[in-house]
Amino acid sequence: MEPYSFTSSASMAQKTWELENNIASMDAPSADSDSIFFYDDAAQAKFQQEKPWANDPTTSSASRSLP
């Protein structure tokens, strides 16, 4: 009986670890994975007009006076 090679045992150890820790492969991202980077002109214009940062109570007065 021939002993396992280092590559084989390392590969087996990695696969075991991935299975035990529920690791999901990211080799093929879904088609909509980049949708979080979509720039919406209308939403951005509305956000800039509403200026929610002007009424944010967690913002200090010093940072509100900045341009």
PDB file of N, CA and C in Angstrom:
ATOM      1  N   MET A   1       0.842  -1.179   0.000  1.00  0.00           N
ATOM      2  CA  MET A   1       0.000   0.000   0.000  1.00  0.00           C
ATOM      3  C   MET A   1       0.885   1.240   0.000  1.00  0.00           C
ATOM      4  N   GLU A   2       0.631   2.119  -0.955  1.00  0.00           N
ATOM      5  CA  GLU A   2       1.452   3.315  -1.118  1.00  0.00           C
ATOM      6  C   GLU A   2       0.899   4.449  -0.243  1.00  0.00           C
ATOM      7  N   PRO A   3       1.772   5.165   0.471  1.00  0.00           N
ATOM      8  CA  PRO A   3       1.295   6.272   1.313  1.00  0.00           C
ATOM      9  C   PRO A   3       0.775   7.427   0.451  1.00  0.00           C
ATOM     10  N   TYR A   4      -0.133   8.196   1.030  1.00  0.00           N
ATOM     11  CA  TYR A   4      -0.672   9.358   0.318  1.00  0.00           C
ATOM     12  C   TYR A   4       0.412  10.398   0.118  1.00  0.00           C
ATOM     13  N   SER A   5       0.333  11.098  -1.006  1.00  0.00           N
ATOM     14  CA  SER A   5       1.283  12.183  -1.237  1.00  0.00           C
ATOM     15  C   SER A   5       0.839  13.401  -0.434  1.00  0.00           C
ATOM     16  N   PHE A   6       1.751  14.337  -0.239  1.00  0.00           N
ATOM     17  CA  PHE A   6       1.431  15.545   0.519  1.00  0.00           C
ATOM     18  C   PHE A   6       0.298  16.308  -0.146  1.00  0.00           C
ATOM     19  N   THR A   7       0.346  16.422  -1.476  1.00  0.00           N
ATOM     20  CA  THR A   7      -0.686  17.150  -2.211  1.00  0.00           C
ATOM     21  C   THR A   7      -2.049  16.514  -2.002  1.00  0.00           C
ATOM     22  N   SER A   8      -2.094  15.208  -2.052  1.00  0.00           N
ATOM     23  CA  SER A   8      -3.348  14.492  -1.878  1.00  0.00           C
ATOM     24  C   SER A   8      -3.909  14.687  -0.473  1.00  0.00           C
ATOM     25  N   SER A   9      -3.067  14.570   0.543  1.00  0.00           N
ATOM     26  CA  SER A   9      -3.551  14.722   1.914  1.00  0.00           C
ATOM     27  C   SER A   9      -3.909  16.175   2.208  1.00  0.00           C
ATOM     28  N   ALA A  10      -3.177  17.119   1.634  1.00  0.00           N
ATOM     29  CA  ALA A  10      -3.504  18.533   1.832  1.00  0.00           C
ATOM     30  C   ALA A  10      -4.833  18.862   1.174  1.00  0.00           C
ATOM     31  N   SER A  11      -5.041  18.316  -0.004  1.00  0.00           N
ATOM     32  CA  SER A  11      -6.301  18.529  -0.710  1.00  0.00           C
ATOM     33  C   SER A  11      -7.465  17.927   0.064  1.00  0.00           C
ATOM     34  N   MET A  12      -7.260  16.740   0.602  1.00  0.00           N
ATOM     35  CA  MET A  12      -8.298  16.075   1.389  1.00  0.00           C
ATOM     36  C   MET A  12      -8.594  16.871   2.664  1.00  0.00           C
ATOM     37  N   ALA A  13      -7.552  17.380   3.304  1.00  0.00           N
ATOM     38  CA  ALA A  13      -7.733  18.166   4.527  1.00  0.00           C
ATOM     39  C   ALA A  13      -8.504  19.445   4.238  1.00  0.00           C
ATOM     40  N   GLN A  14      -8.180  20.098   3.120  1.00  0.00           N
ATOM     41  CA  GLN A  14      -8.888  21.328   2.767  1.00  0.00           C
ATOM     42  C   GLN A  14     -10.351  21.034   2.479  1.00  0.00           C
ATOM     43  N   LYS A  15     -10.623  19.990   1.717  1.00  0.00           N
ATOM     44  CA  LYS A  15     -12.001  19.634   1.386  1.00  0.00           C
ATOM     45  C   LYS A  15     -12.784  19.281   2.653  1.00  0.00           C
ATOM     46  N   THR A  16     -12.170  18.560   3.562  1.00  0.00           N
ATOM     47  CA  THR A  16     -12.816  18.217   4.833  1.00  0.00           C
ATOM     48  C   THR A  16     -13.150  19.475   5.617  1.00  0.00           C
ATOM     49  N   TRP A  17     -12.198  20.404   5.687  1.00  0.00           N
ATOM     50  CA  TRP A  17     -12.415  21.659   6.413  1.00  0.00           C
ATOM     51  C   TRP A  17     -13.553  22.450   5.780  1.00  0.00           C
ATOM     52  N   GLU A  18     -13.573  22.529   4.432  1.00  0.00           N
ATOM     53  CA  GLU A  18     -14.634  23.259   3.732  1.00  0.00           C
ATOM     54  C   GLU A  18     -16.003  22.645   4.010  1.00  0.00           C
ATOM     55  N   LEU A  19     -16.084  21.331   4.008  1.00  0.00           N
ATOM     56  CA  LEU A  19     -17.359  20.661   4.276  1.00  0.00           C
ATOM     57  C   LEU A  19     -17.809  20.859   5.720  1.00  0.00           C
ATOM     58  N   GLU A  20     -16.881  20.755   6.662  1.00  0.00           N
ATOM     59  CA  GLU A  20     -17.223  20.914   8.076  1.00  0.00           C
ATOM     60  C   GLU A  20     -17.627  22.344   8.423  1.00  0.00           C
ATOM     61  N   ASN A  21     -17.142  23.312   7.666  1.00  0.00           N
ATOM     62  CA  ASN A  21     -17.409  24.718   7.960  1.00  0.00           C
ATOM     63  C   ASN A  21     -18.382  25.369   6.984  1.00  0.00           C
ATOM     64  N   ASN A  22     -19.057  24.546   6.189  1.00  0.00           N
ATOM     65  CA  ASN A  22     -20.068  25.029   5.239  1.00  0.00           C
ATOM     66  C   ASN A  22     -19.544  26.146   4.345  1.00  0.00           C
ATOM     67  N   ILE A  23     -18.370  25.950   3.772  1.00  0.00           N
ATOM     68  CA  ILE A  23     -17.770  26.945   2.894  1.00  0.00           C
ATOM     69  C   ILE A  23     -18.425  26.848   1.521  1.00  0.00           C
ATOM     70  N   ALA A  24     -18.932  27.977   1.023  1.00  0.00           N
ATOM     71  CA  ALA A  24     -19.560  28.010  -0.295  1.00  0.00           C
ATOM     72  C   ALA A  24     -18.557  28.525  -1.319  1.00  0.00           C
ATOM     73  N   SER A  25     -18.526  27.891  -2.459  1.00  0.00           N
ATOM     74  CA  SER A  25     -17.609  28.285  -3.525  1.00  0.00           C
ATOM     75  C   SER A  25     -18.088  29.579  -4.167  1.00  0.00           C
ATOM     76  N   MET A  26     -17.164  30.485  -4.433  1.00  0.00           N
ATOM     77  CA  MET A  26     -17.498  31.755  -5.080  1.00  0.00           C
ATOM     78  C   MET A  26     -16.908  31.817  -6.487  1.00  0.00           C
ATOM     79  N   ASP A  27     -16.633  30.662  -7.070  1.00  0.00           N
ATOM     80  CA  ASP A  27     -16.026  30.613  -8.396  1.00  0.00           C
ATOM     81  C   ASP A  27     -16.920  31.232  -9.461  1.00  0.00           C
ATOM     82  N   ALA A  28     -18.206  31.046  -9.364  1.00  0.00           N
ATOM     83  CA  ALA A  28     -19.133  31.558 -10.361  1.00  0.00           C
ATOM     84  C   ALA A  28     -20.182  32.425  -9.673  1.00  0.00           C
ATOM     85  N   PRO A  29     -19.928  33.738  -9.567  1.00  0.00           N
ATOM     86  CA  PRO A  29     -20.912  34.604  -8.913  1.00  0.00           C
ATOM     87  C   PRO A  29     -22.201  34.685  -9.727  1.00  0.00           C
ATOM     88  N   SER A  30     -23.281  34.955  -9.049  1.00  0.00           N
ATOM     89  CA  SER A  30     -24.564  35.050  -9.738  1.00  0.00           C
ATOM     90  C   SER A  30     -24.585  36.278 -10.643  1.00  0.00           C
ATOM     91  N   ALA A  31     -25.496  36.283 -11.580  1.00  0.00           N
ATOM     92  CA  ALA A  31     -25.576  37.360 -12.567  1.00  0.00           C
ATOM     93  C   ALA A  31     -25.888  38.708 -11.925  1.00  0.00           C
ATOM     94  N   ASP A  32     -26.609  38.709 -10.816  1.00  0.00           N
ATOM     95  CA  ASP A  32     -26.984  39.977 -10.190  1.00  0.00           C
ATOM     96  C   ASP A  32     -26.056  40.368  -9.040  1.00  0.00           C
ATOM     97  N   SER A  33     -24.893  39.751  -8.941  1.00  0.00           N
ATOM     98  CA  SER A  33     -23.995  40.053  -7.826  1.00  0.00           C
ATOM     99  C   SER A  33     -23.440  41.473  -7.884  1.00  0.00           C
ATOM    100  N   ASP A  34     -23.393  42.076  -9.057  1.00  0.00           N
ATOM    101  CA  ASP A  34     -22.899  43.444  -9.186  1.00  0.00           C
ATOM    102  C   ASP A  34     -24.010  44.482  -9.041  1.00  0.00           C
ATOM    103  N   SER A  35     -25.233  44.053  -8.796  1.00  0.00           N
ATOM    104  CA  SER A  35     -26.354  44.988  -8.726  1.00  0.00           C
ATOM    105  C   SER A  35     -26.223  45.978  -7.571  1.00  0.00           C
ATOM    106  N   ILE A  36     -25.459  45.644  -6.536  1.00  0.00           N
ATOM    107  CA  ILE A  36     -25.280  46.581  -5.425  1.00  0.00           C
ATOM    108  C   ILE A  36     -24.464  47.796  -5.843  1.00  0.00           C
ATOM    109  N   PHE A  37     -23.775  47.711  -6.986  1.00  0.00           N
ATOM    110  CA  PHE A  37     -22.972  48.826  -7.462  1.00  0.00           C
ATOM    111  C   PHE A  37     -23.710  49.676  -8.490  1.00  0.00           C
ATOM    112  N   PHE A  38     -24.991  49.379  -8.734  1.00  0.00           N
ATOM    113  CA  PHE A  38     -25.781  50.116  -9.713  1.00  0.00           C
ATOM    114  C   PHE A  38     -25.978  51.552  -9.248  1.00  0.00           C
ATOM    115  N   TYR A  39     -25.684  52.510 -10.121  1.00  0.00           N
ATOM    116  CA  TYR A  39     -25.846  53.926  -9.798  1.00  0.00           C
ATOM    117  C   TYR A  39     -27.185  54.388 -10.332  1.00  0.00           C
ATOM    118  N   ASP A  40     -28.038  54.879  -9.452  1.00  0.00           N
ATOM    119  CA  ASP A  40     -29.367  55.344  -9.815  1.00  0.00           C
ATOM    120  C   ASP A  40     -29.386  56.867  -9.744  1.00  0.00           C
ATOM    121  N   ASP A  41     -29.416  57.523 -10.915  1.00  0.00           N
ATOM    122  CA  ASP A  41     -29.385  58.988 -10.966  1.00  0.00           C
ATOM    123  C   ASP A  41     -30.545  59.616 -10.201  1.00  0.00           C
ATOM    124  N   ALA A  42     -31.744  59.089 -10.379  1.00  0.00           N
ATOM    125  CA  ALA A  42     -32.925  59.662  -9.731  1.00  0.00           C
ATOM    126  C   ALA A  42     -32.838  59.524  -8.211  1.00  0.00           C
ATOM    127  N   ALA A  43     -32.438  58.370  -7.730  1.00  0.00           N
ATOM    128  CA  ALA A  43     -32.320  58.155  -6.286  1.00  0.00           C
ATOM    129  C   ALA A  43     -31.227  59.038  -5.699  1.00  0.00           C
ATOM    130  N   GLN A  44     -30.133  59.198  -6.417  1.00  0.00           N
ATOM    131  CA  GLN A  44     -29.042  60.034  -5.935  1.00  0.00           C
ATOM    132  C   GLN A  44     -29.454  61.508  -5.877  1.00  0.00           C
ATOM    133  N   ALA A  45     -30.186  61.983  -6.897  1.00  0.00           N
ATOM    134  CA  ALA A  45     -30.662  63.366  -6.915  1.00  0.00           C
ATOM    135  C   ALA A  45     -31.629  63.612  -5.755  1.00  0.00           C
ATOM    136  N   LYS A  46     -32.534  62.669  -5.508  1.00  0.00           N
ATOM    137  CA  LYS A  46     -33.485  62.788  -4.398  1.00  0.00           C
ATOM    138  C   LYS A  46     -32.742  62.834  -3.064  1.00  0.00           C
ATOM    139  N   PHE A  47     -31.766  61.973  -2.898  1.00  0.00           N
ATOM    140  CA  PHE A  47     -30.969  61.922  -1.677  1.00  0.00           C
ATOM    141  C   PHE A  47     -30.250  63.251  -1.439  1.00  0.00           C
ATOM    142  N   GLN A  48     -29.687  63.829  -2.499  1.00  0.00           N
ATOM    143  CA  GLN A  48     -28.962  65.091  -2.355  1.00  0.00           C
ATOM    144  C   GLN A  48     -29.902  66.260  -2.064  1.00  0.00           C
ATOM    145  N   GLN A  49     -31.120  66.221  -2.582  1.00  0.00           N
ATOM    146  CA  GLN A  49     -32.093  67.278  -2.296  1.00  0.00           C
ATOM    147  C   GLN A  49     -32.610  67.183  -0.866  1.00  0.00           C
ATOM    148  N   GLU A  50     -32.828  65.974  -0.368  1.00  0.00           N
ATOM    149  CA  GLU A  50     -33.354  65.788   0.987  1.00  0.00           C
ATOM    150  C   GLU A  50     -32.320  66.101   2.065  1.00  0.00           C
ATOM    151  N   LYS A  51     -31.051  65.948   1.774  1.00  0.00           N
ATOM    152  CA  LYS A  51     -29.948  66.210   2.703  1.00  0.00           C
ATOM    153  C   LYS A  51     -30.194  65.593   4.088  1.00  0.00           C
ATOM    154  N   PRO A  52     -30.323  64.286   4.166  1.00  0.00           N
ATOM    155  CA  PRO A  52     -30.596  63.660   5.465  1.00  0.00           C
ATOM    156  C   PRO A  52     -29.485  63.895   6.480  1.00  0.00           C
ATOM    157  N   TRP A  53     -28.292  64.182   6.027  1.00  0.00           N
ATOM    158  CA  TRP A  53     -27.184  64.430   6.946  1.00  0.00           C
ATOM    159  C   TRP A  53     -27.367  65.742   7.706  1.00  0.00           C
ATOM    160  N   ALA A  54     -28.171  66.671   7.189  1.00  0.00           N
ATOM    161  CA  ALA A  54     -28.400  67.952   7.859  1.00  0.00           C
ATOM    162  C   ALA A  54     -29.246  67.782   9.124  1.00  0.00           C
ATOM    163  N   ASN A  55     -30.082  66.753   9.177  1.00  0.00           N
ATOM    164  CA  ASN A  55     -30.967  66.526  10.321  1.00  0.00           C
ATOM    165  C   ASN A  55     -30.540  65.339  11.174  1.00  0.00           C
ATOM    166  N   ASP A  56     -29.376  64.795  10.919  1.00  0.00           N
ATOM    167  CA  ASP A  56     -28.907  63.615  11.639  1.00  0.00           C
ATOM    168  C   ASP A  56     -28.419  64.017  13.027  1.00  0.00           C
ATOM    169  N   PRO A  57     -29.097  63.585  14.089  1.00  0.00           N
ATOM    170  CA  PRO A  57     -28.700  63.986  15.444  1.00  0.00           C
ATOM    171  C   PRO A  57     -27.356  63.400  15.884  1.00  0.00           C
ATOM    172  N   THR A  58     -26.861  62.407  15.175  1.00  0.00           N
ATOM    173  CA  THR A  58     -25.574  61.823  15.549  1.00  0.00           C
ATOM    174  C   THR A  58     -24.400  62.584  14.952  1.00  0.00           C
ATOM    175  N   THR A  59     -24.694  63.558  14.085  1.00  0.00           N
ATOM    176  CA  THR A  59     -23.636  64.340  13.455  1.00  0.00           C
ATOM    177  C   THR A  59     -23.329  65.551  14.322  1.00  0.00           C
ATOM    178  N   SER A  60     -22.064  65.807  14.559  1.00  0.00           N
ATOM    179  CA  SER A  60     -21.686  66.958  15.385  1.00  0.00           C
ATOM    180  C   SER A  60     -21.889  68.255  14.614  1.00  0.00           C
ATOM    181  N   SER A  61     -22.069  69.362  15.323  1.00  0.00           N
ATOM    182  CA  SER A  61     -22.274  70.658  14.674  1.00  0.00           C
ATOM    183  C   SER A  61     -21.032  71.091  13.912  1.00  0.00           C
ATOM    184  N   ALA A  62     -19.864  70.684  14.354  1.00  0.00           N
ATOM    185  CA  ALA A  62     -18.630  71.043  13.657  1.00  0.00           C
ATOM    186  C   ALA A  62     -18.593  70.421  12.268  1.00  0.00           C
ATOM    187  N   SER A  63     -19.029  69.174  12.145  1.00  0.00           N
ATOM    188  CA  SER A  63     -18.991  68.536  10.832  1.00  0.00           C
ATOM    189  C   SER A  63     -20.094  69.051   9.928  1.00  0.00           C
ATOM    190  N   ARG A  64     -21.186  69.586  10.485  1.00  0.00           N
ATOM    191  CA  ARG A  64     -22.251  70.152   9.657  1.00  0.00           C
ATOM    192  C   ARG A  64     -21.827  71.462   9.024  1.00  0.00           C
ATOM    193  N   SER A  65     -20.876  72.159   9.607  1.00  0.00           N
ATOM    194  CA  SER A  65     -20.465  73.443   9.055  1.00  0.00           C
ATOM    195  C   SER A  65     -19.463  73.290   7.919  1.00  0.00           C
ATOM    196  N   LEU A  66     -19.002  72.070   7.685  1.00  0.00           N
ATOM    197  CA  LEU A  66     -18.071  71.837   6.587  1.00  0.00           C
ATOM    198  C   LEU A  66     -18.807  71.914   5.262  1.00  0.00           C
ATOM    199  N   PRO A  67     -18.131  72.352   4.195  1.00  0.00           N
ATOM    200  CA  PRO A  67     -18.800  72.465   2.879  1.00  0.00           C
ATOM    201  C   PRO A  67     -19.215  71.134   2.322  1.00  0.00           C
TER     202      PRO A  67
END
